[in-house]
């Protein structure tokens, strides 16, 4: 199995723009935008543009928990 390295740019204060946040999460930018609209994505700030803090992205990734099936994952999102 080959490891894929993805380079993301993080501002000195830990912020990522939407392009880099999507790369970091392994999502498409449009998916992240849709999650912002329905409230299912990570916390963000809007200062003219949308930004995410790396620690919020990590917390969101870890908060979902782990599942053994897609059915189980669907139940934990409700």
PDB file of N, CA and C in Angstrom:
ATOM      1  N   UNK A   1       0.847  -1.181   0.000  1.00  0.00           N
ATOM      2  CA  UNK A   1       0.000   0.000   0.000  1.00  0.00           C
ATOM      3  C   UNK A   1       0.890   1.241   0.000  1.00  0.00           C
ATOM      4  N   UNK A   2       0.654   2.099  -0.958  1.00  0.00           N
ATOM      5  CA  UNK A   2       1.447   3.311  -1.091  1.00  0.00           C
ATOM      6  C   UNK A   2       0.814   4.439  -0.291  1.00  0.00           C
ATOM      7  N   UNK A   3       1.633   5.197   0.405  1.00  0.00           N
ATOM      8  CA  UNK A   3       1.150   6.323   1.179  1.00  0.00           C
ATOM      9  C   UNK A   3       1.079   7.550   0.281  1.00  0.00           C
ATOM     10  N   UNK A   4      -0.041   8.242   0.325  1.00  0.00           N
ATOM     11  CA  UNK A   4      -0.241   9.447  -0.456  1.00  0.00           C
ATOM     12  C   UNK A   4      -0.043  10.642   0.464  1.00  0.00           C
ATOM     13  N   UNK A   5       0.863  11.525   0.081  1.00  0.00           N
ATOM     14  CA  UNK A   5       1.094  12.729   0.877  1.00  0.00           C
ATOM     15  C   UNK A   5       0.401  13.895   0.203  1.00  0.00           C
ATOM     16  N   UNK A   6      -0.396  14.594   0.982  1.00  0.00           N
ATOM     17  CA  UNK A   6      -1.108  15.760   0.489  1.00  0.00           C
ATOM     18  C   UNK A   6      -0.576  16.971   1.228  1.00  0.00           C
ATOM     19  N   UNK A   7      -0.247  17.990   0.469  1.00  0.00           N
ATOM     20  CA  UNK A   7       0.292  19.195   1.077  1.00  0.00           C
ATOM     21  C   UNK A   7      -0.823  20.223   1.235  1.00  0.00           C
ATOM     22  N   UNK A   8      -1.000  20.692   2.454  1.00  0.00           N
ATOM     23  CA  UNK A   8      -1.990  21.734   2.719  1.00  0.00           C
ATOM     24  C   UNK A   8      -1.278  22.938   3.312  1.00  0.00           C
ATOM     25  N   UNK A   9      -1.822  24.106   3.020  1.00  0.00           N
ATOM     26  CA  UNK A   9      -1.265  25.345   3.562  1.00  0.00           C
ATOM     27  C   UNK A   9      -2.096  25.771   4.762  1.00  0.00           C
ATOM     28  N   UNK A  10      -1.398  26.029   5.862  1.00  0.00           N
ATOM     29  CA  UNK A  10      -2.042  26.454   7.098  1.00  0.00           C
ATOM     30  C   UNK A  10      -1.487  27.825   7.459  1.00  0.00           C
ATOM     31  N   UNK A  11      -2.368  28.771   7.765  1.00  0.00           N
ATOM     32  CA  UNK A  11      -1.924  30.089   8.203  1.00  0.00           C
ATOM     33  C   UNK A  11      -1.214  29.943   9.550  1.00  0.00           C
ATOM     34  N   UNK A  12      -0.359  30.902   9.893  1.00  0.00           N
ATOM     35  CA  UNK A  12       0.383  30.806  11.166  1.00  0.00           C
ATOM     36  C   UNK A  12      -0.502  30.637  12.402  1.00  0.00           C
ATOM     37  N   UNK A  13      -1.736  31.140  12.349  1.00  0.00           N
ATOM     38  CA  UNK A  13      -2.622  31.012  13.508  1.00  0.00           C
ATOM     39  C   UNK A  13      -3.440  29.715  13.497  1.00  0.00           C
ATOM     40  N   UNK A  14      -3.178  28.824  12.524  1.00  0.00           N
ATOM     41  CA  UNK A  14      -3.848  27.528  12.487  1.00  0.00           C
ATOM     42  C   UNK A  14      -5.066  27.469  11.588  1.00  0.00           C
ATOM     43  N   UNK A  15      -5.360  28.565  10.867  1.00  0.00           N
ATOM     44  CA  UNK A  15      -6.517  28.581   9.974  1.00  0.00           C
ATOM     45  C   UNK A  15      -6.186  27.936   8.638  1.00  0.00           C
ATOM     46  N   UNK A  16      -7.215  27.321   8.043  1.00  0.00           N
ATOM     47  CA  UNK A  16      -7.130  26.805   6.685  1.00  0.00           C
ATOM     48  C   UNK A  16      -8.290  27.403   5.897  1.00  0.00           C
ATOM     49  N   UNK A  17      -8.046  27.739   4.631  1.00  0.00           N
ATOM     50  CA  UNK A  17      -9.155  28.169   3.788  1.00  0.00           C
ATOM     51  C   UNK A  17      -9.920  26.929   3.346  1.00  0.00           C
ATOM     52  N   UNK A  18     -10.992  27.127   2.609  1.00  0.00           N
ATOM     53  CA  UNK A  18     -11.845  25.993   2.249  1.00  0.00           C
ATOM     54  C   UNK A  18     -11.136  24.988   1.348  1.00  0.00           C
ATOM     55  N   UNK A  19     -10.278  25.474   0.454  1.00  0.00           N
ATOM     56  CA  UNK A  19      -9.544  24.567  -0.441  1.00  0.00           C
ATOM     57  C   UNK A  19      -8.671  23.622   0.374  1.00  0.00           C
ATOM     58  N   UNK A  20      -7.906  24.180   1.296  1.00  0.00           N
ATOM     59  CA  UNK A  20      -6.988  23.370   2.091  1.00  0.00           C
ATOM     60  C   UNK A  20      -7.711  22.539   3.145  1.00  0.00           C
ATOM     61  N   UNK A  21      -8.817  23.058   3.686  1.00  0.00           N
ATOM     62  CA  UNK A  21      -9.600  22.272   4.647  1.00  0.00           C
ATOM     63  C   UNK A  21     -10.183  21.036   3.968  1.00  0.00           C
ATOM     64  N   UNK A  22     -10.682  21.213   2.757  1.00  0.00           N
ATOM     65  CA  UNK A  22     -11.240  20.081   2.015  1.00  0.00           C
ATOM     66  C   UNK A  22     -10.156  19.036   1.727  1.00  0.00           C
ATOM     67  N   UNK A  23      -8.980  19.496   1.319  1.00  0.00           N
ATOM     68  CA  UNK A  23      -7.859  18.567   1.081  1.00  0.00           C
ATOM     69  C   UNK A  23      -7.518  17.810   2.354  1.00  0.00           C
ATOM     70  N   UNK A  24      -7.438  18.537   3.462  1.00  0.00           N
ATOM     71  CA  UNK A  24      -7.066  17.947   4.751  1.00  0.00           C
ATOM     72  C   UNK A  24      -8.057  16.857   5.165  1.00  0.00           C
ATOM     73  N   UNK A  25      -9.347  17.120   4.915  1.00  0.00           N
ATOM     74  CA  UNK A  25     -10.392  16.170   5.301  1.00  0.00           C
ATOM     75  C   UNK A  25     -10.602  15.066   4.274  1.00  0.00           C
ATOM     76  N   UNK A  26     -10.056  15.253   3.084  1.00  0.00           N
ATOM     77  CA  UNK A  26     -10.257  14.268   2.031  1.00  0.00           C
ATOM     78  C   UNK A  26     -11.628  14.399   1.383  1.00  0.00           C
ATOM     79  N   UNK A  27     -12.158  15.606   1.376  1.00  0.00           N
ATOM     80  CA  UNK A  27     -13.467  15.880   0.803  1.00  0.00           C
ATOM     81  C   UNK A  27     -13.337  16.838  -0.367  1.00  0.00           C
ATOM     82  N   UNK A  28     -14.375  16.930  -1.161  1.00  0.00           N
ATOM     83  CA  UNK A  28     -14.452  17.941  -2.209  1.00  0.00           C
ATOM     84  C   UNK A  28     -14.902  19.248  -1.567  1.00  0.00           C
ATOM     85  N   UNK A  29     -14.503  20.367  -2.161  1.00  0.00           N
ATOM     86  CA  UNK A  29     -14.907  21.672  -1.631  1.00  0.00           C
ATOM     87  C   UNK A  29     -16.424  21.806  -1.594  1.00  0.00           C
ATOM     88  N   UNK A  30     -17.094  21.309  -2.621  1.00  0.00           N
ATOM     89  CA  UNK A  30     -18.554  21.405  -2.689  1.00  0.00           C
ATOM     90  C   UNK A  30     -19.206  20.605  -1.558  1.00  0.00           C
ATOM     91  N   UNK A  31     -18.647  19.450  -1.234  1.00  0.00           N
ATOM     92  CA  UNK A  31     -19.173  18.649  -0.123  1.00  0.00           C
ATOM     93  C   UNK A  31     -19.052  19.421   1.174  1.00  0.00           C
ATOM     94  N   UNK A  32     -17.912  20.050   1.376  1.00  0.00           N
ATOM     95  CA  UNK A  32     -17.689  20.847   2.590  1.00  0.00           C
ATOM     96  C   UNK A  32     -18.673  22.014   2.638  1.00  0.00           C
ATOM     97  N   UNK A  33     -18.940  22.649   1.499  1.00  0.00           N
ATOM     98  CA  UNK A  33     -19.903  23.754   1.439  1.00  0.00           C
ATOM     99  C   UNK A  33     -21.306  23.274   1.782  1.00  0.00           C
ATOM    100  N   UNK A  34     -21.678  22.112   1.267  1.00  0.00           N
ATOM    101  CA  UNK A  34     -23.007  21.564   1.571  1.00  0.00           C
ATOM    102  C   UNK A  34     -23.124  21.229   3.056  1.00  0.00           C
ATOM    103  N   UNK A  35     -22.057  20.719   3.636  1.00  0.00           N
ATOM    104  CA  UNK A  35     -22.058  20.412   5.068  1.00  0.00           C
ATOM    105  C   UNK A  35     -22.175  21.687   5.895  1.00  0.00           C
ATOM    106  N   UNK A  36     -21.565  22.770   5.425  1.00  0.00           N
ATOM    107  CA  UNK A  36     -21.696  24.057   6.108  1.00  0.00           C
ATOM    108  C   UNK A  36     -23.145  24.497   6.118  1.00  0.00           C
ATOM    109  N   UNK A  37     -23.823  24.321   4.993  1.00  0.00           N
ATOM    110  CA  UNK A  37     -25.230  24.750   4.871  1.00  0.00           C
ATOM    111  C   UNK A  37     -26.162  23.948   5.764  1.00  0.00           C
ATOM    112  N   UNK A  38     -25.949  22.644   5.852  1.00  0.00           N
ATOM    113  CA  UNK A  38     -26.878  21.829   6.653  1.00  0.00           C
ATOM    114  C   UNK A  38     -26.398  21.592   8.084  1.00  0.00           C
ATOM    115  N   UNK A  39     -25.249  22.148   8.437  1.00  0.00           N
ATOM    116  CA  UNK A  39     -24.772  22.064   9.816  1.00  0.00           C
ATOM    117  C   UNK A  39     -24.138  20.743  10.204  1.00  0.00           C
ATOM    118  N   UNK A  40     -23.796  19.907   9.221  1.00  0.00           N
ATOM    119  CA  UNK A  40     -23.225  18.604   9.553  1.00  0.00           C
ATOM    120  C   UNK A  40     -21.691  18.589   9.506  1.00  0.00           C
ATOM    121  N   UNK A  41     -21.079  19.682   9.123  1.00  0.00           N
ATOM    122  CA  UNK A  41     -19.624  19.734   8.989  1.00  0.00           C
ATOM    123  C   UNK A  41     -18.937  20.306  10.212  1.00  0.00           C
ATOM    124  N   UNK A  42     -17.635  20.508  10.090  1.00  0.00           N
ATOM    125  CA  UNK A  42     -16.865  21.070  11.202  1.00  0.00           C
ATOM    126  C   UNK A  42     -17.177  22.555  11.406  1.00  0.00           C
ATOM    127  N   UNK A  43     -16.848  23.051  12.600  1.00  0.00           N
ATOM    128  CA  UNK A  43     -17.038  24.469  12.900  1.00  0.00           C
ATOM    129  C   UNK A  43     -16.171  25.300  11.966  1.00  0.00           C
ATOM    130  N   UNK A  44     -16.638  26.502  11.650  1.00  0.00           N
ATOM    131  CA  UNK A  44     -15.908  27.400  10.773  1.00  0.00           C
ATOM    132  C   UNK A  44     -16.137  28.836  11.216  1.00  0.00           C
ATOM    133  N   UNK A  45     -15.348  29.735  10.675  1.00  0.00           N
ATOM    134  CA  UNK A  45     -15.543  31.164  10.913  1.00  0.00           C
ATOM    135  C   UNK A  45     -15.672  31.845   9.563  1.00  0.00           C
ATOM    136  N   UNK A  46     -16.390  32.953   9.540  1.00  0.00           N
ATOM    137  CA  UNK A  46     -16.525  33.719   8.306  1.00  0.00           C
ATOM    138  C   UNK A  46     -16.016  35.126   8.566  1.00  0.00           C
ATOM    139  N   UNK A  47     -14.931  35.438   7.939  1.00  0.00           N
ATOM    140  CA  UNK A  47     -14.320  36.767   8.028  1.00  0.00           C
ATOM    141  C   UNK A  47     -14.130  37.271   6.600  1.00  0.00           C
ATOM    142  N   UNK A  48     -15.246  37.522   5.929  1.00  0.00           N
ATOM    143  CA  UNK A  48     -15.195  37.843   4.509  1.00  0.00           C
ATOM    144  C   UNK A  48     -15.126  36.559   3.696  1.00  0.00           C
ATOM    145  N   UNK A  49     -14.252  35.671   4.071  1.00  0.00           N
ATOM    146  CA  UNK A  49     -14.119  34.331   3.501  1.00  0.00           C
ATOM    147  C   UNK A  49     -14.334  33.324   4.616  1.00  0.00           C
ATOM    148  N   UNK A  50     -14.503  32.078   4.224  1.00  0.00           N
ATOM    149  CA  UNK A  50     -14.686  30.993   5.197  1.00  0.00           C
ATOM    150  C   UNK A  50     -13.326  30.426   5.569  1.00  0.00           C
ATOM    151  N   UNK A  51     -13.105  30.222   6.867  1.00  0.00           N
ATOM    152  CA  UNK A  51     -11.884  29.603   7.368  1.00  0.00           C
ATOM    153  C   UNK A  51     -12.234  28.530   8.390  1.00  0.00           C
ATOM    154  N   UNK A  52     -11.363  27.565   8.491  1.00  0.00           N
ATOM    155  CA  UNK A  52     -11.481  26.489   9.480  1.00  0.00           C
ATOM    156  C   UNK A  52     -10.200  26.456  10.294  1.00  0.00           C
ATOM    157  N   UNK A  53     -10.315  26.177  11.575  1.00  0.00           N
ATOM    158  CA  UNK A  53      -9.127  25.962  12.395  1.00  0.00           C
ATOM    159  C   UNK A  53      -8.804  24.470  12.388  1.00  0.00           C
ATOM    160  N   UNK A  54      -7.531  24.159  12.285  1.00  0.00           N
ATOM    161  CA  UNK A  54      -7.089  22.768  12.200  1.00  0.00           C
ATOM    162  C   UNK A  54      -7.601  21.952  13.387  1.00  0.00           C
ATOM    163  N   UNK A  55      -7.576  22.528  14.577  1.00  0.00           N
ATOM    164  CA  UNK A  55      -8.040  21.768  15.749  1.00  0.00           C
ATOM    165  C   UNK A  55      -9.537  21.452  15.654  1.00  0.00           C
ATOM    166  N   UNK A  56     -10.315  22.336  15.019  1.00  0.00           N
ATOM    167  CA  UNK A  56     -11.742  22.058  14.821  1.00  0.00           C
ATOM    168  C   UNK A  56     -11.950  20.940  13.803  1.00  0.00           C
ATOM    169  N   UNK A  57     -11.112  20.914  12.764  1.00  0.00           N
ATOM    170  CA  UNK A  57     -11.192  19.833  11.777  1.00  0.00           C
ATOM    171  C   UNK A  57     -10.854  18.499  12.423  1.00  0.00           C
ATOM    172  N   UNK A  58      -9.803  18.490  13.243  1.00  0.00           N
ATOM    173  CA  UNK A  58      -9.420  17.256  13.938  1.00  0.00           C
ATOM    174  C   UNK A  58     -10.512  16.806  14.907  1.00  0.00           C
ATOM    175  N   UNK A  59     -11.098  17.750  15.637  1.00  0.00           N
ATOM    176  CA  UNK A  59     -12.166  17.412  16.590  1.00  0.00           C
ATOM    177  C   UNK A  59     -13.374  16.832  15.854  1.00  0.00           C
ATOM    178  N   UNK A  60     -13.716  17.411  14.700  1.00  0.00           N
ATOM    179  CA  UNK A  60     -14.847  16.919  13.925  1.00  0.00           C
ATOM    180  C   UNK A  60     -14.585  15.509  13.413  1.00  0.00           C
ATOM    181  N   UNK A  61     -13.362  15.273  12.938  1.00  0.00           N
ATOM    182  CA  UNK A  61     -13.008  13.937  12.463  1.00  0.00           C
ATOM    183  C   UNK A  61     -13.110  12.908  13.578  1.00  0.00           C
ATOM    184  N   UNK A  62     -12.658  13.261  14.764  1.00  0.00           N
ATOM    185  CA  UNK A  62     -12.636  12.322  15.889  1.00  0.00           C
ATOM    186  C   UNK A  62     -13.989  12.181  16.578  1.00  0.00           C
ATOM    187  N   UNK A  63     -14.869  13.166  16.434  1.00  0.00           N
ATOM    188  CA  UNK A  63     -16.165  13.129  17.117  1.00  0.00           C
ATOM    189  C   UNK A  63     -17.128  12.135  16.488  1.00  0.00           C
ATOM    190  N   UNK A  64     -16.940  11.823  15.231  1.00  0.00           N
ATOM    191  CA  UNK A  64     -17.867  10.934  14.542  1.00  0.00           C
ATOM    192  C   UNK A  64     -17.840   9.517  15.053  1.00  0.00           C
ATOM    193  N   UNK A  65     -16.787   9.134  15.706  1.00  0.00           N
ATOM    194  CA  UNK A  65     -16.674   7.758  16.164  1.00  0.00           C
ATOM    195  C   UNK A  65     -16.387   6.814  15.011  1.00  0.00           C
ATOM    196  N   UNK A  66     -16.193   5.576  15.325  1.00  0.00           N
ATOM    197  CA  UNK A  66     -15.890   4.570  14.315  1.00  0.00           C
ATOM    198  C   UNK A  66     -17.061   3.617  14.198  1.00  0.00           C
ATOM    199  N   UNK A  67     -17.277   3.130  12.991  1.00  0.00           N
ATOM    200  CA  UNK A  67     -18.406   2.223  12.748  1.00  0.00           C
ATOM    201  C   UNK A  67     -17.908   0.976  12.036  1.00  0.00           C
ATOM    202  N   UNK A  68     -18.686  -0.088  12.157  1.00  0.00           N
ATOM    203  CA  UNK A  68     -18.368  -1.343  11.488  1.00  0.00           C
ATOM    204  C   UNK A  68     -19.131  -1.504  10.176  1.00  0.00           C
ATOM    205  N   UNK A  69     -20.144  -0.662   9.954  1.00  0.00           N
ATOM    206  CA  UNK A  69     -20.922  -0.740   8.723  1.00  0.00           C
ATOM    207  C   UNK A  69     -21.479   0.642   8.402  1.00  0.00           C
ATOM    208  N   UNK A  70     -21.901   0.836   7.160  1.00  0.00           N
ATOM    209  CA  UNK A  70     -22.510   2.108   6.792  1.00  0.00           C
ATOM    210  C   UNK A  70     -23.860   2.296   7.492  1.00  0.00           C
ATOM    211  N   UNK A  71     -24.570   1.193   7.752  1.00  0.00           N
ATOM    212  CA  UNK A  71     -25.828   1.279   8.478  1.00  0.00           C
ATOM    213  C   UNK A  71     -25.603   1.796   9.890  1.00  0.00           C
ATOM    214  N   UNK A  72     -24.567   1.308  10.545  1.00  0.00           N
ATOM    215  CA  UNK A  72     -24.243   1.766  11.888  1.00  0.00           C
ATOM    216  C   UNK A  72     -23.821   3.235  11.855  1.00  0.00           C
ATOM    217  N   UNK A  73     -23.055   3.619  10.866  1.00  0.00           N
ATOM    218  CA  UNK A  73     -22.613   5.000  10.749  1.00  0.00           C
ATOM    219  C   UNK A  73     -23.802   5.925  10.545  1.00  0.00           C
ATOM    220  N   UNK A  74     -24.775   5.499   9.758  1.00  0.00           N
ATOM    221  CA  UNK A  74     -25.972   6.291   9.497  1.00  0.00           C
ATOM    222  C   UNK A  74     -26.752   6.507  10.800  1.00  0.00           C
ATOM    223  N   UNK A  75     -26.837   5.477  11.630  1.00  0.00           N
ATOM    224  CA  UNK A  75     -27.575   5.593  12.896  1.00  0.00           C
ATOM    225  C   UNK A  75     -26.882   6.535  13.870  1.00  0.00           C
ATOM    226  N   UNK A  76     -25.570   6.584  13.869  1.00  0.00           N
ATOM    227  CA  UNK A  76     -24.851   7.446  14.803  1.00  0.00           C
ATOM    228  C   UNK A  76     -24.932   8.913  14.401  1.00  0.00           C
ATOM    229  N   UNK A  77     -25.263   9.218  13.145  1.00  0.00           N
ATOM    230  CA  UNK A  77     -25.382  10.609  12.691  1.00  0.00           C
ATOM    231  C   UNK A  77     -26.686  11.230  13.101  1.00  0.00           C
ATOM    232  N   UNK A  78     -27.675  10.410  13.431  1.00  0.00           N
ATOM    233  CA  UNK A  78     -29.018  10.926  13.761  1.00  0.00           C
ATOM    234  C   UNK A  78     -29.046  11.500  15.152  1.00  0.00           C
TER     235      UNK A  78
END
